[in-house]
N, C-alpha and C. Protein backbone atom coordinates (compact mmCIF):
# COMPACT_ATOMS: atom_id res chain seq x y z
N MET A 1 -92.97 -35.78 -60.39
CA MET A 1 -91.82 -36.87 -61.24
C MET A 1 -90.67 -36.32 -61.98
N SER A 2 -90.17 -36.74 -62.15
CA SER A 2 -89.30 -35.54 -62.46
C SER A 2 -88.85 -35.47 -64.14
N ARG A 3 -87.27 -35.11 -65.15
CA ARG A 3 -88.12 -34.87 -66.71
C ARG A 3 -87.21 -36.43 -66.69
N GLU A 4 -86.53 -36.52 -65.59
CA GLU A 4 -85.97 -37.90 -65.98
C GLU A 4 -86.45 -39.32 -66.45
N ASP A 5 -87.86 -39.26 -65.70
CA ASP A 5 -88.79 -40.16 -65.04
C ASP A 5 -89.75 -39.91 -66.17
N THR A 6 -89.99 -38.98 -67.06
CA THR A 6 -90.30 -38.83 -67.99
C THR A 6 -90.20 -39.21 -69.07
N ALA A 7 -88.30 -39.07 -69.24
CA ALA A 7 -87.53 -39.73 -70.46
C ALA A 7 -88.41 -40.82 -70.45
N LEU A 8 -88.23 -41.79 -69.48
CA LEU A 8 -88.22 -43.38 -69.56
C LEU A 8 -89.39 -43.88 -70.41
N LYS A 9 -90.41 -42.83 -70.07
CA LYS A 9 -91.94 -42.94 -70.46
C LYS A 9 -92.24 -43.13 -71.65
N ASP A 10 -91.77 -41.79 -71.88
CA ASP A 10 -91.17 -41.41 -73.40
C ASP A 10 -90.36 -42.73 -74.27
N LEU A 11 -89.46 -43.02 -73.49
CA LEU A 11 -89.07 -44.04 -74.61
C LEU A 11 -89.57 -45.25 -74.26
N LEU A 12 -90.34 -45.34 -74.17
CA LEU A 12 -91.44 -46.63 -73.60
C LEU A 12 -92.33 -46.75 -74.89
N MET A 13 -93.14 -45.82 -74.95
CA MET A 13 -93.51 -45.58 -75.12
C MET A 13 -93.77 -44.71 -76.95
N THR A 14 -92.01 -44.19 -77.69
CA THR A 14 -92.05 -44.80 -78.56
C THR A 14 -91.07 -45.82 -78.51
N VAL A 15 -90.78 -46.95 -78.46
CA VAL A 15 -90.66 -47.84 -78.38
C VAL A 15 -92.14 -49.28 -78.92
N VAL A 16 -93.24 -48.99 -78.24
CA VAL A 16 -94.26 -49.97 -77.95
C VAL A 16 -95.29 -49.38 -79.41
N ARG A 17 -95.10 -47.77 -79.58
CA ARG A 17 -96.00 -47.60 -80.49
C ARG A 17 -96.15 -48.28 -82.26
N PRO A 18 -94.93 -48.76 -82.12
CA PRO A 18 -95.34 -48.45 -83.55
C PRO A 18 -95.57 -50.09 -84.18
N LEU A 19 -95.50 -50.83 -82.60
CA LEU A 19 -95.34 -52.53 -82.67
C LEU A 19 -97.08 -52.76 -82.63
N VAL A 20 -97.28 -52.04 -82.47
CA VAL A 20 -99.11 -52.85 -81.57
C VAL A 20 -100.05 -52.24 -83.01
N SER A 21 -101.45 -52.81 -82.74
CA SER A 21 -102.31 -52.72 -83.91
C SER A 21 -103.14 -50.98 -83.84
N ASP A 22 -103.64 -51.21 -82.78
CA ASP A 22 -104.60 -49.95 -82.32
C ASP A 22 -102.97 -49.37 -80.63
N PRO A 23 -102.35 -48.27 -81.53
CA PRO A 23 -101.19 -47.41 -81.10
C PRO A 23 -102.12 -46.42 -79.38
N ALA A 24 -103.66 -45.95 -79.92
CA ALA A 24 -104.17 -45.16 -79.22
C ALA A 24 -104.38 -45.98 -77.20
N SER A 25 -105.05 -47.30 -78.15
CA SER A 25 -104.85 -47.91 -76.08
C SER A 25 -103.99 -48.63 -75.75
N VAL A 26 -102.42 -47.94 -75.67
CA VAL A 26 -100.81 -48.37 -75.08
C VAL A 26 -101.44 -47.03 -73.78
N THR A 27 -101.46 -47.46 -72.41
CA THR A 27 -100.97 -46.36 -71.66
C THR A 27 -99.70 -46.91 -71.03
N ILE A 28 -99.07 -46.35 -70.69
CA ILE A 28 -97.88 -46.71 -69.67
C ILE A 28 -98.09 -45.71 -68.00
N ASN A 29 -98.44 -46.56 -66.87
CA ASN A 29 -98.12 -46.16 -65.46
C ASN A 29 -97.27 -46.40 -64.88
N GLN A 30 -96.61 -44.91 -64.26
CA GLN A 30 -95.47 -45.18 -63.97
C GLN A 30 -95.25 -45.08 -62.30
N VAL A 31 -94.97 -46.22 -61.19
CA VAL A 31 -95.00 -46.26 -60.14
C VAL A 31 -93.54 -46.07 -59.13
N ASP A 32 -93.83 -45.58 -58.33
CA ASP A 32 -92.06 -45.27 -58.09
C ASP A 32 -92.12 -45.85 -57.01
N GLN A 33 -91.07 -47.17 -56.74
CA GLN A 33 -90.83 -47.81 -55.52
C GLN A 33 -89.59 -47.65 -54.79
N GLY A 34 -88.97 -46.60 -54.12
CA GLY A 34 -88.34 -46.05 -53.38
C GLY A 34 -87.46 -46.09 -54.41
N HIS A 35 -85.70 -46.58 -54.67
CA HIS A 35 -84.94 -46.55 -55.56
C HIS A 35 -85.11 -47.08 -56.80
N THR A 36 -85.91 -47.47 -56.96
CA THR A 36 -86.97 -48.04 -58.12
C THR A 36 -88.24 -47.64 -58.94
N ILE A 37 -88.22 -47.87 -60.39
CA ILE A 37 -89.49 -47.14 -61.16
C ILE A 37 -90.03 -48.40 -61.73
N VAL A 38 -91.32 -48.82 -60.83
CA VAL A 38 -91.96 -49.47 -62.16
C VAL A 38 -92.71 -48.61 -63.41
N LEU A 39 -92.67 -49.29 -64.61
CA LEU A 39 -93.02 -49.10 -65.74
C LEU A 39 -94.40 -49.64 -65.81
N GLU A 40 -95.70 -49.44 -65.63
CA GLU A 40 -96.87 -50.77 -66.19
C GLU A 40 -97.32 -50.83 -67.76
N LEU A 41 -97.14 -51.62 -68.25
CA LEU A 41 -97.83 -51.16 -69.62
C LEU A 41 -98.55 -51.56 -70.23
N LYS A 42 -99.84 -50.77 -70.40
CA LYS A 42 -100.50 -51.84 -71.32
C LYS A 42 -101.28 -51.02 -72.68
N VAL A 43 -101.47 -52.28 -72.87
CA VAL A 43 -101.96 -52.70 -74.29
C VAL A 43 -103.40 -52.90 -75.14
N ALA A 44 -103.83 -53.34 -76.14
CA ALA A 44 -105.31 -54.08 -76.44
C ALA A 44 -104.89 -55.78 -75.95
N PRO A 45 -105.46 -56.01 -75.42
CA PRO A 45 -105.81 -58.08 -75.70
C PRO A 45 -105.16 -58.15 -77.31
N ASP A 46 -105.55 -58.08 -78.31
CA ASP A 46 -105.08 -58.18 -79.86
C ASP A 46 -103.69 -57.55 -80.11
N ASP A 47 -103.03 -56.56 -79.40
CA ASP A 47 -101.56 -56.77 -79.06
C ASP A 47 -101.20 -57.25 -78.18
N MET A 48 -101.67 -57.72 -76.70
CA MET A 48 -100.98 -58.53 -76.30
C MET A 48 -99.46 -59.23 -77.00
N GLY A 49 -100.08 -60.11 -77.84
CA GLY A 49 -98.98 -61.16 -78.38
C GLY A 49 -97.61 -60.62 -79.58
N LYS A 50 -98.04 -59.09 -79.55
CA LYS A 50 -97.16 -58.73 -80.80
C LYS A 50 -96.12 -58.21 -79.25
N ILE A 51 -96.27 -57.63 -78.54
CA ILE A 51 -94.75 -56.72 -77.21
C ILE A 51 -94.76 -58.37 -77.14
N ILE A 52 -95.21 -58.98 -76.38
CA ILE A 52 -94.55 -59.96 -76.13
C ILE A 52 -93.91 -60.42 -77.06
N GLY A 53 -93.72 -61.12 -78.17
CA GLY A 53 -93.44 -61.86 -79.27
C GLY A 53 -92.99 -63.41 -78.88
N LYS A 54 -92.05 -63.96 -80.10
CA LYS A 54 -91.81 -65.22 -79.46
C LYS A 54 -91.02 -65.77 -78.67
N GLN A 55 -91.84 -66.63 -77.74
CA GLN A 55 -90.54 -67.13 -76.80
C GLN A 55 -90.68 -65.78 -75.62
N GLY A 56 -90.74 -64.89 -75.73
CA GLY A 56 -91.07 -63.28 -75.16
C GLY A 56 -89.55 -62.14 -75.23
N ARG A 57 -89.35 -62.82 -76.50
CA ARG A 57 -88.08 -62.07 -76.70
C ARG A 57 -88.25 -60.88 -77.30
N ARG A 58 -89.65 -60.63 -77.87
CA ARG A 58 -89.48 -58.52 -78.01
C ARG A 58 -89.57 -58.17 -77.02
N ALA A 59 -90.03 -59.05 -75.77
CA ALA A 59 -90.34 -58.49 -74.69
C ALA A 59 -89.14 -58.51 -73.13
N GLN A 60 -88.85 -59.22 -73.61
CA GLN A 60 -86.96 -58.64 -73.39
C GLN A 60 -86.29 -57.30 -73.72
N ALA A 61 -86.66 -57.48 -75.42
CA ALA A 61 -85.42 -56.46 -75.92
C ALA A 61 -85.90 -55.19 -75.46
N ILE A 62 -87.64 -55.01 -75.06
CA ILE A 62 -88.10 -53.94 -75.01
C ILE A 62 -87.19 -52.99 -73.28
N ARG A 63 -87.43 -54.01 -72.84
CA ARG A 63 -87.09 -54.71 -71.00
C ARG A 63 -85.48 -53.94 -71.22
N ALA A 64 -84.49 -54.63 -71.89
CA ALA A 64 -83.31 -54.16 -72.18
C ALA A 64 -83.07 -52.60 -72.55
N ILE A 65 -83.89 -52.21 -73.51
CA ILE A 65 -83.74 -50.85 -74.16
C ILE A 65 -84.30 -49.72 -73.19
N VAL A 66 -84.84 -50.26 -72.28
CA VAL A 66 -85.38 -49.13 -71.18
C VAL A 66 -84.77 -49.72 -69.52
N LYS A 67 -83.77 -50.62 -69.58
CA LYS A 67 -83.07 -50.56 -68.65
C LYS A 67 -81.89 -49.69 -69.27
N ALA A 68 -80.88 -49.88 -69.76
CA ALA A 68 -79.61 -49.53 -70.37
C ALA A 68 -80.32 -47.51 -70.59
N ARG A 69 -81.21 -47.00 -70.75
CA ARG A 69 -81.19 -45.84 -70.48
C ARG A 69 -81.79 -45.41 -68.99
N ALA A 70 -82.22 -46.37 -68.41
CA ALA A 70 -82.19 -45.73 -66.83
C ALA A 70 -80.46 -46.37 -66.43
N THR A 71 -80.25 -47.13 -66.56
CA THR A 71 -79.05 -47.56 -66.15
C THR A 71 -78.03 -46.28 -65.87
N ARG A 72 -77.46 -45.14 -66.69
CA ARG A 72 -77.64 -44.42 -67.59
C ARG A 72 -77.79 -43.35 -66.17
N GLN A 73 -79.18 -43.41 -66.63
CA GLN A 73 -79.04 -42.11 -65.25
C GLN A 73 -79.28 -42.10 -63.85
N GLY A 74 -78.43 -43.90 -63.47
CA GLY A 74 -78.73 -44.16 -62.19
C GLY A 74 -79.88 -44.58 -61.42
N LYS A 75 -80.35 -45.27 -62.08
CA LYS A 75 -81.77 -45.71 -61.73
C LYS A 75 -82.16 -47.12 -62.13
N ARG A 76 -83.43 -47.86 -61.15
CA ARG A 76 -83.12 -48.73 -61.77
C ARG A 76 -85.04 -48.96 -62.31
N VAL A 77 -85.37 -49.64 -63.10
CA VAL A 77 -86.72 -49.59 -63.73
C VAL A 77 -87.06 -50.99 -63.60
N VAL A 78 -88.51 -51.24 -63.77
CA VAL A 78 -88.60 -52.52 -64.09
C VAL A 78 -89.96 -52.25 -65.15
N VAL A 79 -90.11 -52.92 -66.18
CA VAL A 79 -91.13 -52.78 -66.75
C VAL A 79 -91.95 -53.90 -67.02
N ASP A 80 -93.56 -53.98 -66.19
CA ASP A 80 -94.26 -55.12 -66.39
C ASP A 80 -95.30 -54.73 -67.33
N ILE A 81 -95.85 -55.31 -68.08
CA ILE A 81 -96.76 -55.77 -69.34
C ILE A 81 -98.05 -56.67 -68.51
N ILE A 82 -98.78 -55.04 -69.06
CA ILE A 82 -100.29 -56.27 -68.36
C ILE A 82 -101.92 -55.77 -68.85
């Protein structure tokens, strides 16, 4: 895992932790699939609604932030909230 890939995980963690009630339960698993990096975000069940937001707007915003950073690095990224 390169330093740029770690930067994407750190960015996602920085964005998500302040939004949840239980920051210790936030985990991010990175899966490399060829040219695409998949970041699997897991939060406590009680915090799932806080991450997704009304009509998925907060989830879309989180994905847009991480995607913008990855695009600057010439990579593709997918954020899965599981």
